[in-house]
Amino acid sequence: MLTEWARARARAFLNAVAVFFNRLGLTPNLLTVIGFLLVCAIALVIALGYEALGALLLIFGAGFDATDGALARLTQRVTKFGAFLDSTLDRYADGVLMLALVWRGIEYNNRWIIVLASVALLGALLVSYTRARAEAVGLQLKEGWFTRLERMIILILGLFGTLFFGPNALVVALALLAVLSNLTAVQRISLTKQKLDA
C-alpha cells in the first residue's frame, strides 16, 4: 500500500518536525485540530477558484497532517481518543474538500463535477467506515487499493491540471476518485467476509 511505503520513507523527516512542534509545546490533538483548520482554509482557496494554489497548499497540508501521529509516538501520548479525533476530522476534511469542488462545479456550470465529487465523497467515507466496522468486530483491516494518500495525490493532480485543461481536469480526477474509492470499499467488504469466514 502506498501509504505505508510513504510513511516509511518520510519517518525521519516527520520525527524531526514532531521534535520541533514538541519544543513549541504543541500537543498531538492540537496539531490534529490545526491540520483540519488548515484544510478548511485550503478548501476555501479552492472554492474561490484558485485550484492550482490549493493543490500546492494541499501538498504542505498532507505533510502537516501526518505529524500529529509522529508527535504522539515521540511523546508517548498515543491515545484512543487521539486516534478517534484524527480519524473523525479526516472525514470532515474529505467533506470540506469535496464541498469546495461541488462549488467549483456550480461556478463552472458543470454537473459532472458536482455528481462525481458527491460520489467520490461517498466512496471516501465508505473506505473509512468499512475499516472501522471491521475493527469493531475484532479484525485488522488496513488493506486497500485506494486509501487516503492515493486519493489526495489524484486530487492534487486534478487541481494542478486545471491550469492546462480547465474543469476537464477535475472531471477526470473526480471520476478516478469516484470509481476507485468505491471499488476499495467493496474490496474491504470482501476482505472482511473472507477474514470472518476463515
N, C-alpha and C. Protein backbone atom coordinates (compact mmCIF):
# COMPACT_ATOMS: atom_id res chain seq x y z
N MET A 1 0.84 -1.19 0.00
CA MET A 1 0.00 0.00 0.00
C MET A 1 0.88 1.24 0.00
N LEU A 2 0.54 2.21 -0.81
CA LEU A 2 1.35 3.41 -0.97
C LEU A 2 1.50 4.18 0.33
N THR A 3 0.46 4.18 1.16
CA THR A 3 0.51 4.91 2.42
C THR A 3 1.64 4.40 3.31
N GLU A 4 1.74 3.08 3.46
CA GLU A 4 2.78 2.51 4.32
C GLU A 4 4.17 2.79 3.76
N TRP A 5 4.32 2.71 2.44
CA TRP A 5 5.61 3.00 1.79
C TRP A 5 6.02 4.44 2.05
N ALA A 6 5.06 5.37 1.88
CA ALA A 6 5.36 6.79 2.07
C ALA A 6 5.72 7.09 3.51
N ARG A 7 5.00 6.48 4.44
CA ARG A 7 5.29 6.72 5.86
C ARG A 7 6.68 6.22 6.23
N ALA A 8 7.04 5.07 5.68
CA ALA A 8 8.37 4.52 5.97
C ALA A 8 9.47 5.44 5.45
N ARG A 9 9.27 6.00 4.24
CA ARG A 9 10.28 6.88 3.66
C ARG A 9 10.34 8.23 4.36
N ALA A 10 9.20 8.68 4.88
CA ALA A 10 9.13 10.03 5.47
C ALA A 10 9.31 10.04 6.99
N ARG A 11 9.53 8.87 7.58
CA ARG A 11 9.53 8.77 9.05
C ARG A 11 10.56 9.69 9.69
N ALA A 12 11.77 9.71 9.17
CA ALA A 12 12.82 10.54 9.79
C ALA A 12 12.46 12.02 9.73
N PHE A 13 11.93 12.45 8.58
CA PHE A 13 11.54 13.85 8.43
C PHE A 13 10.39 14.20 9.38
N LEU A 14 9.38 13.33 9.44
CA LEU A 14 8.23 13.59 10.31
C LEU A 14 8.65 13.63 11.77
N ASN A 15 9.58 12.76 12.15
CA ASN A 15 10.06 12.77 13.53
C ASN A 15 10.78 14.07 13.85
N ALA A 16 11.55 14.59 12.89
CA ALA A 16 12.25 15.86 13.10
C ALA A 16 11.26 17.01 13.26
N VAL A 17 10.21 17.01 12.42
CA VAL A 17 9.18 18.04 12.53
C VAL A 17 8.44 17.91 13.86
N ALA A 18 8.19 16.66 14.28
CA ALA A 18 7.50 16.43 15.55
C ALA A 18 8.32 16.94 16.72
N VAL A 19 9.63 16.77 16.67
CA VAL A 19 10.51 17.31 17.72
C VAL A 19 10.37 18.82 17.79
N PHE A 20 10.33 19.47 16.63
CA PHE A 20 10.17 20.93 16.58
C PHE A 20 8.85 21.36 17.21
N PHE A 21 7.75 20.68 16.84
CA PHE A 21 6.45 21.04 17.39
C PHE A 21 6.39 20.77 18.90
N ASN A 22 7.08 19.72 19.34
CA ASN A 22 7.11 19.41 20.77
C ASN A 22 7.80 20.53 21.54
N ARG A 23 8.87 21.07 20.96
CA ARG A 23 9.57 22.19 21.60
C ARG A 23 8.69 23.43 21.69
N LEU A 24 7.76 23.56 20.74
CA LEU A 24 6.83 24.70 20.77
C LEU A 24 5.72 24.49 21.80
N GLY A 25 5.65 23.28 22.35
CA GLY A 25 4.63 22.98 23.35
C GLY A 25 3.30 22.52 22.78
N LEU A 26 3.28 22.16 21.50
CA LEU A 26 2.04 21.69 20.88
C LEU A 26 1.77 20.24 21.26
N THR A 27 0.50 19.90 21.40
CA THR A 27 0.11 18.52 21.69
C THR A 27 -0.36 17.84 20.42
N PRO A 28 -0.38 16.51 20.38
CA PRO A 28 -0.86 15.81 19.18
C PRO A 28 -2.29 16.19 18.80
N ASN A 29 -3.18 16.28 19.78
CA ASN A 29 -4.57 16.62 19.47
C ASN A 29 -4.70 18.04 18.94
N LEU A 30 -3.90 18.96 19.47
CA LEU A 30 -3.92 20.33 18.97
C LEU A 30 -3.43 20.37 17.53
N LEU A 31 -2.40 19.58 17.22
CA LEU A 31 -1.92 19.50 15.83
C LEU A 31 -3.00 18.96 14.90
N THR A 32 -3.76 17.98 15.39
CA THR A 32 -4.85 17.42 14.59
C THR A 32 -5.87 18.49 14.25
N VAL A 33 -6.24 19.29 15.23
CA VAL A 33 -7.22 20.35 15.01
C VAL A 33 -6.66 21.43 14.08
N ILE A 34 -5.39 21.82 14.29
CA ILE A 34 -4.76 22.82 13.42
C ILE A 34 -4.73 22.31 11.98
N GLY A 35 -4.38 21.04 11.81
CA GLY A 35 -4.34 20.46 10.47
C GLY A 35 -5.70 20.50 9.79
N PHE A 36 -6.75 20.22 10.55
CA PHE A 36 -8.11 20.29 9.98
C PHE A 36 -8.47 21.71 9.58
N LEU A 37 -8.15 22.68 10.44
CA LEU A 37 -8.44 24.08 10.12
C LEU A 37 -7.67 24.53 8.89
N LEU A 38 -6.46 24.00 8.73
CA LEU A 38 -5.66 24.31 7.54
C LEU A 38 -6.35 23.79 6.29
N VAL A 39 -6.88 22.57 6.36
CA VAL A 39 -7.60 22.01 5.21
C VAL A 39 -8.84 22.84 4.89
N CYS A 40 -9.52 23.32 5.93
CA CYS A 40 -10.70 24.18 5.70
C CYS A 40 -10.29 25.45 4.94
N ALA A 41 -9.15 26.03 5.32
CA ALA A 41 -8.66 27.23 4.64
C ALA A 41 -8.30 26.91 3.19
N ILE A 42 -7.69 25.74 2.97
CA ILE A 42 -7.33 25.33 1.61
C ILE A 42 -8.59 25.11 0.77
N ALA A 43 -9.61 24.51 1.38
CA ALA A 43 -10.88 24.29 0.67
C ALA A 43 -11.48 25.63 0.24
N LEU A 44 -11.36 26.63 1.09
CA LEU A 44 -11.87 27.97 0.73
C LEU A 44 -11.10 28.54 -0.45
N VAL A 45 -9.78 28.34 -0.45
CA VAL A 45 -8.95 28.80 -1.57
C VAL A 45 -9.42 28.15 -2.88
N ILE A 46 -9.68 26.84 -2.81
CA ILE A 46 -10.15 26.11 -4.00
C ILE A 46 -11.52 26.62 -4.43
N ALA A 47 -12.43 26.79 -3.47
CA ALA A 47 -13.78 27.23 -3.78
C ALA A 47 -13.78 28.61 -4.45
N LEU A 48 -12.80 29.43 -4.09
CA LEU A 48 -12.71 30.77 -4.67
C LEU A 48 -12.11 30.76 -6.08
N GLY A 49 -11.69 29.57 -6.55
CA GLY A 49 -11.23 29.45 -7.92
C GLY A 49 -9.73 29.34 -8.09
N TYR A 50 -8.99 29.27 -7.00
CA TYR A 50 -7.53 29.15 -7.08
C TYR A 50 -7.12 27.69 -6.92
N GLU A 51 -7.51 26.87 -7.91
CA GLU A 51 -7.32 25.43 -7.78
C GLU A 51 -5.84 25.03 -7.69
N ALA A 52 -4.99 25.61 -8.53
CA ALA A 52 -3.57 25.24 -8.53
C ALA A 52 -2.90 25.65 -7.22
N LEU A 53 -3.24 26.82 -6.71
CA LEU A 53 -2.71 27.23 -5.41
C LEU A 53 -3.20 26.28 -4.33
N GLY A 54 -4.46 25.87 -4.42
CA GLY A 54 -5.00 24.90 -3.47
C GLY A 54 -4.23 23.59 -3.51
N ALA A 55 -3.86 23.15 -4.72
CA ALA A 55 -3.08 21.92 -4.87
C ALA A 55 -1.72 22.05 -4.19
N LEU A 56 -1.08 23.19 -4.39
CA LEU A 56 0.22 23.43 -3.76
C LEU A 56 0.10 23.42 -2.24
N LEU A 57 -0.93 24.06 -1.73
CA LEU A 57 -1.14 24.10 -0.29
C LEU A 57 -1.49 22.72 0.27
N LEU A 58 -2.19 21.90 -0.53
CA LEU A 58 -2.54 20.55 -0.08
C LEU A 58 -1.30 19.68 0.10
N ILE A 59 -0.27 19.91 -0.72
CA ILE A 59 0.98 19.15 -0.55
C ILE A 59 1.55 19.43 0.83
N PHE A 60 1.58 20.70 1.20
CA PHE A 60 2.05 21.08 2.53
C PHE A 60 1.11 20.54 3.60
N GLY A 61 -0.20 20.66 3.35
CA GLY A 61 -1.18 20.22 4.33
C GLY A 61 -1.14 18.72 4.59
N ALA A 62 -0.89 17.94 3.53
CA ALA A 62 -0.80 16.49 3.68
C ALA A 62 0.38 16.11 4.57
N GLY A 63 1.50 16.81 4.39
CA GLY A 63 2.65 16.55 5.25
C GLY A 63 2.38 16.94 6.69
N PHE A 64 1.71 18.07 6.87
CA PHE A 64 1.37 18.54 8.22
C PHE A 64 0.44 17.55 8.91
N ASP A 65 -0.49 16.99 8.13
CA ASP A 65 -1.49 16.07 8.68
C ASP A 65 -0.86 14.83 9.30
N ALA A 66 0.31 14.45 8.82
CA ALA A 66 0.97 13.24 9.32
C ALA A 66 1.77 13.47 10.59
N THR A 67 1.96 14.72 10.98
CA THR A 67 2.84 15.00 12.11
C THR A 67 2.19 14.75 13.47
N ASP A 68 0.85 14.76 13.53
CA ASP A 68 0.21 14.54 14.83
C ASP A 68 0.50 13.15 15.37
N GLY A 69 0.45 12.15 14.47
CA GLY A 69 0.77 10.79 14.90
C GLY A 69 2.23 10.65 15.29
N ALA A 70 3.12 11.29 14.52
CA ALA A 70 4.55 11.24 14.85
C ALA A 70 4.81 11.88 16.21
N LEU A 71 4.14 13.01 16.48
CA LEU A 71 4.30 13.68 17.77
C LEU A 71 3.75 12.82 18.91
N ALA A 72 2.63 12.16 18.68
CA ALA A 72 2.03 11.30 19.71
C ALA A 72 2.98 10.16 20.07
N ARG A 73 3.60 9.56 19.04
CA ARG A 73 4.54 8.46 19.32
C ARG A 73 5.80 8.97 20.00
N LEU A 74 6.28 10.13 19.56
CA LEU A 74 7.50 10.70 20.12
C LEU A 74 7.34 11.02 21.60
N THR A 75 6.18 11.55 21.97
CA THR A 75 5.94 11.98 23.35
C THR A 75 5.19 10.93 24.17
N GLN A 76 4.99 9.76 23.57
CA GLN A 76 4.29 8.66 24.24
C GLN A 76 2.90 9.09 24.70
N ARG A 77 2.22 9.82 23.82
CA ARG A 77 0.86 10.26 24.11
C ARG A 77 -0.11 9.70 23.07
N VAL A 78 0.11 8.46 22.68
CA VAL A 78 -0.81 7.79 21.77
C VAL A 78 -2.04 7.35 22.58
N THR A 79 -3.19 7.89 22.25
CA THR A 79 -4.42 7.58 22.98
C THR A 79 -5.52 7.16 22.03
N LYS A 80 -6.50 6.46 22.57
CA LYS A 80 -7.65 6.05 21.76
C LYS A 80 -8.44 7.27 21.30
N PHE A 81 -8.56 8.28 22.18
CA PHE A 81 -9.29 9.48 21.77
C PHE A 81 -8.54 10.22 20.66
N GLY A 82 -7.22 10.25 20.76
CA GLY A 82 -6.43 10.92 19.73
C GLY A 82 -6.65 10.28 18.37
N ALA A 83 -6.65 8.94 18.34
CA ALA A 83 -6.90 8.23 17.08
C ALA A 83 -8.31 8.50 16.58
N PHE A 84 -9.28 8.52 17.50
CA PHE A 84 -10.67 8.80 17.15
C PHE A 84 -10.82 10.22 16.58
N LEU A 85 -10.19 11.19 17.25
CA LEU A 85 -10.27 12.58 16.79
C LEU A 85 -9.64 12.74 15.42
N ASP A 86 -8.48 12.13 15.23
CA ASP A 86 -7.77 12.23 13.95
C ASP A 86 -8.62 11.65 12.82
N SER A 87 -9.18 10.47 13.05
CA SER A 87 -9.99 9.82 12.01
C SER A 87 -11.25 10.63 11.71
N THR A 88 -11.88 11.16 12.75
CA THR A 88 -13.11 11.93 12.57
C THR A 88 -12.85 13.21 11.79
N LEU A 89 -11.81 13.94 12.16
CA LEU A 89 -11.51 15.19 11.46
C LEU A 89 -11.01 14.94 10.04
N ASP A 90 -10.38 13.78 9.81
CA ASP A 90 -10.01 13.41 8.44
C ASP A 90 -11.25 13.29 7.56
N ARG A 91 -12.33 12.72 8.11
CA ARG A 91 -13.56 12.59 7.34
C ARG A 91 -14.18 13.96 7.07
N TYR A 92 -14.14 14.83 8.09
CA TYR A 92 -14.62 16.19 7.86
C TYR A 92 -13.77 16.89 6.79
N ALA A 93 -12.46 16.66 6.83
CA ALA A 93 -11.56 17.27 5.84
C ALA A 93 -11.92 16.79 4.43
N ASP A 94 -12.17 15.49 4.30
CA ASP A 94 -12.61 14.97 3.00
C ASP A 94 -13.87 15.69 2.54
N GLY A 95 -14.79 15.90 3.48
CA GLY A 95 -16.05 16.53 3.15
C GLY A 95 -15.90 17.97 2.69
N VAL A 96 -15.10 18.75 3.41
CA VAL A 96 -14.98 20.17 3.04
C VAL A 96 -14.27 20.33 1.70
N LEU A 97 -13.31 19.43 1.41
CA LEU A 97 -12.63 19.50 0.11
C LEU A 97 -13.60 19.17 -1.03
N MET A 98 -14.44 18.15 -0.82
CA MET A 98 -15.41 17.81 -1.87
C MET A 98 -16.48 18.88 -2.01
N LEU A 99 -16.85 19.52 -0.90
CA LEU A 99 -17.82 20.63 -0.98
C LEU A 99 -17.24 21.78 -1.79
N ALA A 100 -15.93 22.03 -1.61
CA ALA A 100 -15.28 23.08 -2.40
C ALA A 100 -15.35 22.75 -3.88
N LEU A 101 -15.19 21.47 -4.21
CA LEU A 101 -15.25 21.08 -5.62
C LEU A 101 -16.68 21.11 -6.16
N VAL A 102 -17.65 20.78 -5.31
CA VAL A 102 -19.05 20.94 -5.71
C VAL A 102 -19.32 22.41 -6.05
N TRP A 103 -18.79 23.31 -5.22
CA TRP A 103 -18.96 24.74 -5.50
C TRP A 103 -18.30 25.13 -6.82
N ARG A 104 -17.11 24.56 -7.09
CA ARG A 104 -16.46 24.84 -8.37
C ARG A 104 -17.31 24.33 -9.53
N GLY A 105 -17.94 23.17 -9.31
CA GLY A 105 -18.82 22.63 -10.34
C GLY A 105 -19.99 23.56 -10.63
N ILE A 106 -20.53 24.17 -9.57
CA ILE A 106 -21.61 25.15 -9.75
C ILE A 106 -21.10 26.36 -10.52
N GLU A 107 -19.91 26.84 -10.12
CA GLU A 107 -19.32 28.01 -10.79
C GLU A 107 -19.02 27.72 -12.26
N TYR A 108 -18.54 26.51 -12.53
CA TYR A 108 -18.24 26.12 -13.91
C TYR A 108 -19.50 25.74 -14.69
N ASN A 109 -20.63 25.63 -13.98
CA ASN A 109 -21.87 25.13 -14.58
C ASN A 109 -21.64 23.74 -15.19
N ASN A 110 -20.93 22.91 -14.41
CA ASN A 110 -20.56 21.56 -14.86
C ASN A 110 -21.17 20.53 -13.91
N ARG A 111 -22.22 19.89 -14.35
CA ARG A 111 -22.92 18.92 -13.48
C ARG A 111 -22.07 17.70 -13.19
N TRP A 112 -21.16 17.35 -14.11
CA TRP A 112 -20.32 16.18 -13.89
C TRP A 112 -19.44 16.38 -12.65
N ILE A 113 -18.89 17.56 -12.49
CA ILE A 113 -18.05 17.83 -11.31
C ILE A 113 -18.87 17.66 -10.03
N ILE A 114 -20.10 18.18 -10.04
CA ILE A 114 -20.95 18.10 -8.86
C ILE A 114 -21.27 16.65 -8.51
N VAL A 115 -21.70 15.89 -9.51
CA VAL A 115 -22.09 14.49 -9.27
C VAL A 115 -20.88 13.65 -8.87
N LEU A 116 -19.78 13.79 -9.60
CA LEU A 116 -18.60 12.97 -9.32
C LEU A 116 -17.98 13.31 -7.97
N ALA A 117 -17.99 14.58 -7.58
CA ALA A 117 -17.48 14.95 -6.26
C ALA A 117 -18.32 14.31 -5.16
N SER A 118 -19.63 14.25 -5.37
CA SER A 118 -20.53 13.64 -4.39
C SER A 118 -20.27 12.14 -4.28
N VAL A 119 -20.12 11.47 -5.42
CA VAL A 119 -19.86 10.03 -5.42
C VAL A 119 -18.48 9.73 -4.85
N ALA A 120 -17.50 10.58 -5.16
CA ALA A 120 -16.15 10.40 -4.61
C ALA A 120 -16.16 10.54 -3.10
N LEU A 121 -16.92 11.49 -2.58
CA LEU A 121 -17.02 11.66 -1.14
C LEU A 121 -17.67 10.44 -0.50
N LEU A 122 -18.72 9.93 -1.12
CA LEU A 122 -19.37 8.72 -0.61
C LEU A 122 -18.37 7.58 -0.54
N GLY A 123 -17.57 7.41 -1.59
CA GLY A 123 -16.57 6.34 -1.59
C GLY A 123 -15.53 6.54 -0.51
N ALA A 124 -15.06 7.78 -0.34
CA ALA A 124 -14.05 8.06 0.69
C ALA A 124 -14.57 7.72 2.08
N LEU A 125 -15.82 8.09 2.34
CA LEU A 125 -16.41 7.79 3.65
C LEU A 125 -16.57 6.29 3.86
N LEU A 126 -16.95 5.59 2.79
CA LEU A 126 -17.15 4.13 2.91
C LEU A 126 -15.83 3.39 3.09
N VAL A 127 -14.75 3.88 2.48
CA VAL A 127 -13.43 3.26 2.69
C VAL A 127 -13.08 3.30 4.18
N SER A 128 -13.31 4.45 4.80
CA SER A 128 -13.03 4.60 6.23
C SER A 128 -14.01 3.79 7.08
N TYR A 129 -15.28 3.84 6.71
CA TYR A 129 -16.31 3.17 7.50
C TYR A 129 -16.13 1.66 7.51
N THR A 130 -15.82 1.08 6.35
CA THR A 130 -15.64 -0.37 6.30
C THR A 130 -14.49 -0.82 7.20
N ARG A 131 -13.41 -0.03 7.24
CA ARG A 131 -12.31 -0.38 8.14
C ARG A 131 -12.75 -0.27 9.60
N ALA A 132 -13.47 0.80 9.93
CA ALA A 132 -13.91 0.99 11.31
C ALA A 132 -14.85 -0.13 11.75
N ARG A 133 -15.76 -0.54 10.88
CA ARG A 133 -16.70 -1.61 11.24
C ARG A 133 -15.98 -2.95 11.35
N ALA A 134 -15.00 -3.18 10.48
CA ALA A 134 -14.23 -4.42 10.58
C ALA A 134 -13.48 -4.47 11.91
N GLU A 135 -12.89 -3.34 12.31
CA GLU A 135 -12.17 -3.30 13.58
C GLU A 135 -13.12 -3.45 14.75
N ALA A 136 -14.37 -3.01 14.59
CA ALA A 136 -15.36 -3.13 15.66
C ALA A 136 -15.72 -4.60 15.94
N VAL A 137 -15.55 -5.47 14.92
CA VAL A 137 -15.83 -6.90 15.13
C VAL A 137 -14.53 -7.68 15.34
N GLY A 138 -13.45 -6.95 15.64
CA GLY A 138 -12.21 -7.60 16.05
C GLY A 138 -11.22 -7.92 14.95
N LEU A 139 -11.37 -7.31 13.77
CA LEU A 139 -10.45 -7.57 12.67
C LEU A 139 -9.53 -6.39 12.42
N GLN A 140 -8.33 -6.67 11.92
CA GLN A 140 -7.44 -5.63 11.42
C GLN A 140 -7.66 -5.53 9.91
N LEU A 141 -7.91 -4.33 9.43
CA LEU A 141 -8.21 -4.16 8.00
C LEU A 141 -7.54 -2.90 7.49
N LYS A 142 -6.25 -3.00 7.23
CA LYS A 142 -5.52 -1.86 6.68
C LYS A 142 -5.34 -1.98 5.18
N GLU A 143 -5.70 -3.15 4.63
CA GLU A 143 -5.54 -3.35 3.19
C GLU A 143 -6.50 -2.44 2.42
N GLY A 144 -6.12 -2.16 1.19
CA GLY A 144 -6.99 -1.35 0.34
C GLY A 144 -6.21 -0.78 -0.82
N TRP A 145 -6.80 -0.83 -2.01
CA TRP A 145 -6.11 -0.34 -3.20
C TRP A 145 -5.94 1.18 -3.17
N PHE A 146 -6.96 1.86 -2.64
CA PHE A 146 -7.02 3.31 -2.85
C PHE A 146 -7.39 3.99 -1.54
N THR A 147 -6.38 4.22 -0.70
CA THR A 147 -6.61 4.83 0.61
C THR A 147 -6.43 6.34 0.52
N ARG A 148 -6.36 7.00 1.68
CA ARG A 148 -6.42 8.46 1.70
C ARG A 148 -5.25 9.11 0.95
N LEU A 149 -4.06 8.56 1.07
CA LEU A 149 -2.91 9.16 0.39
C LEU A 149 -3.09 9.11 -1.12
N GLU A 150 -3.51 7.96 -1.64
CA GLU A 150 -3.73 7.85 -3.08
C GLU A 150 -4.80 8.83 -3.55
N ARG A 151 -5.86 8.97 -2.75
CA ARG A 151 -6.93 9.91 -3.12
C ARG A 151 -6.40 11.35 -3.15
N MET A 152 -5.55 11.68 -2.18
CA MET A 152 -5.02 13.04 -2.11
C MET A 152 -4.12 13.32 -3.32
N ILE A 153 -3.33 12.33 -3.73
CA ILE A 153 -2.45 12.52 -4.89
C ILE A 153 -3.26 12.80 -6.15
N ILE A 154 -4.33 12.02 -6.37
CA ILE A 154 -5.19 12.22 -7.54
C ILE A 154 -5.85 13.59 -7.49
N LEU A 155 -6.31 13.98 -6.31
CA LEU A 155 -6.96 15.29 -6.17
C LEU A 155 -5.98 16.42 -6.48
N ILE A 156 -4.77 16.33 -5.95
CA ILE A 156 -3.76 17.36 -6.19
C ILE A 156 -3.43 17.46 -7.68
N LEU A 157 -3.28 16.31 -8.34
CA LEU A 157 -3.00 16.31 -9.78
C LEU A 157 -4.15 16.94 -10.57
N GLY A 158 -5.38 16.63 -10.17
CA GLY A 158 -6.54 17.20 -10.85
C GLY A 158 -6.61 18.71 -10.68
N LEU A 159 -6.30 19.19 -9.48
CA LEU A 159 -6.31 20.63 -9.23
C LEU A 159 -5.23 21.34 -10.04
N PHE A 160 -4.03 20.75 -10.07
CA PHE A 160 -2.96 21.32 -10.90
C PHE A 160 -3.34 21.30 -12.38
N GLY A 161 -4.03 20.23 -12.78
CA GLY A 161 -4.40 20.06 -14.18
C GLY A 161 -5.31 21.15 -14.71
N THR A 162 -6.02 21.85 -13.81
CA THR A 162 -6.91 22.92 -14.28
C THR A 162 -6.13 24.06 -14.94
N LEU A 163 -4.84 24.16 -14.63
CA LEU A 163 -4.01 25.18 -15.28
C LEU A 163 -3.93 24.96 -16.78
N PHE A 164 -3.98 23.69 -17.19
CA PHE A 164 -3.78 23.34 -18.60
C PHE A 164 -5.07 22.88 -19.29
N PHE A 165 -5.95 22.24 -18.53
CA PHE A 165 -7.13 21.63 -19.15
C PHE A 165 -8.45 22.18 -18.61
N GLY A 166 -8.39 23.17 -17.73
CA GLY A 166 -9.61 23.74 -17.17
C GLY A 166 -10.40 22.72 -16.36
N PRO A 167 -11.72 22.87 -16.32
CA PRO A 167 -12.54 21.97 -15.49
C PRO A 167 -12.50 20.51 -15.91
N ASN A 168 -12.07 20.22 -17.15
CA ASN A 168 -11.98 18.82 -17.58
C ASN A 168 -11.01 18.03 -16.72
N ALA A 169 -9.98 18.69 -16.21
CA ALA A 169 -9.01 18.02 -15.33
C ALA A 169 -9.70 17.56 -14.05
N LEU A 170 -10.61 18.37 -13.55
CA LEU A 170 -11.35 17.98 -12.34
C LEU A 170 -12.30 16.83 -12.63
N VAL A 171 -12.91 16.85 -13.80
CA VAL A 171 -13.83 15.76 -14.17
C VAL A 171 -13.07 14.43 -14.18
N VAL A 172 -11.89 14.40 -14.80
CA VAL A 172 -11.10 13.17 -14.88
C VAL A 172 -10.66 12.72 -13.49
N ALA A 173 -10.14 13.66 -12.70
CA ALA A 173 -9.66 13.30 -11.36
C ALA A 173 -10.80 12.79 -10.49
N LEU A 174 -11.93 13.47 -10.54
CA LEU A 174 -13.06 13.07 -9.71
C LEU A 174 -13.66 11.75 -10.17
N ALA A 175 -13.63 11.49 -11.48
CA ALA A 175 -14.10 10.20 -11.98
C ALA A 175 -13.23 9.07 -11.43
N LEU A 176 -11.91 9.28 -11.42
CA LEU A 176 -11.00 8.28 -10.84
C LEU A 176 -11.27 8.10 -9.36
N LEU A 177 -11.45 9.20 -8.65
CA LEU A 177 -11.72 9.12 -7.22
C LEU A 177 -13.04 8.39 -6.95
N ALA A 178 -14.06 8.72 -7.73
CA ALA A 178 -15.37 8.11 -7.53
C ALA A 178 -15.32 6.60 -7.75
N VAL A 179 -14.68 6.17 -8.82
CA VAL A 179 -14.63 4.74 -9.15
C VAL A 179 -13.71 3.99 -8.19
N LEU A 180 -12.50 4.46 -8.03
CA LEU A 180 -11.50 3.70 -7.29
C LEU A 180 -11.76 3.68 -5.79
N SER A 181 -12.29 4.76 -5.23
CA SER A 181 -12.59 4.74 -3.80
C SER A 181 -13.75 3.79 -3.50
N ASN A 182 -14.76 3.79 -4.35
CA ASN A 182 -15.87 2.88 -4.12
C ASN A 182 -15.47 1.42 -4.37
N LEU A 183 -14.59 1.18 -5.33
CA LEU A 183 -14.07 -0.17 -5.52
C LEU A 183 -13.28 -0.63 -4.29
N THR A 184 -12.56 0.29 -3.67
CA THR A 184 -11.80 -0.05 -2.47
C THR A 184 -12.74 -0.40 -1.32
N ALA A 185 -13.85 0.32 -1.21
CA ALA A 185 -14.84 -0.01 -0.18
C ALA A 185 -15.39 -1.42 -0.40
N VAL A 186 -15.70 -1.74 -1.66
CA VAL A 186 -16.19 -3.09 -1.99
C VAL A 186 -15.11 -4.12 -1.68
N GLN A 187 -13.85 -3.81 -2.02
CA GLN A 187 -12.74 -4.71 -1.71
C GLN A 187 -12.68 -4.99 -0.21
N ARG A 188 -12.84 -3.96 0.61
CA ARG A 188 -12.77 -4.15 2.05
C ARG A 188 -13.95 -4.96 2.59
N ILE A 189 -15.12 -4.81 1.97
CA ILE A 189 -16.26 -5.65 2.34
C ILE A 189 -15.92 -7.11 2.08
N SER A 190 -15.35 -7.38 0.90
CA SER A 190 -14.97 -8.75 0.53
C SER A 190 -13.90 -9.30 1.46
N LEU A 191 -12.89 -8.49 1.78
CA LEU A 191 -11.83 -8.93 2.67
C LEU A 191 -12.36 -9.23 4.07
N THR A 192 -13.29 -8.42 4.52
CA THR A 192 -13.89 -8.65 5.84
C THR A 192 -14.62 -9.97 5.88
N LYS A 193 -15.38 -10.26 4.82
CA LYS A 193 -16.11 -11.54 4.77
C LYS A 193 -15.12 -12.71 4.77
N GLN A 194 -14.04 -12.58 3.98
CA GLN A 194 -13.03 -13.65 3.92
C GLN A 194 -12.42 -13.89 5.29
N LYS A 195 -12.11 -12.82 6.00
CA LYS A 195 -11.48 -12.96 7.32
C LYS A 195 -12.44 -13.54 8.35
N LEU A 196 -13.70 -13.16 8.27
CA LEU A 196 -14.68 -13.68 9.21
C LEU A 196 -15.00 -15.16 8.95
N ASP A 197 -14.92 -15.55 7.67
CA ASP A 197 -15.21 -16.94 7.29
C ASP A 197 -14.02 -17.87 7.53
N ALA A 198 -12.82 -17.27 7.68
CA ALA A 198 -11.60 -18.10 7.81
C ALA A 198 -11.59 -18.87 9.14
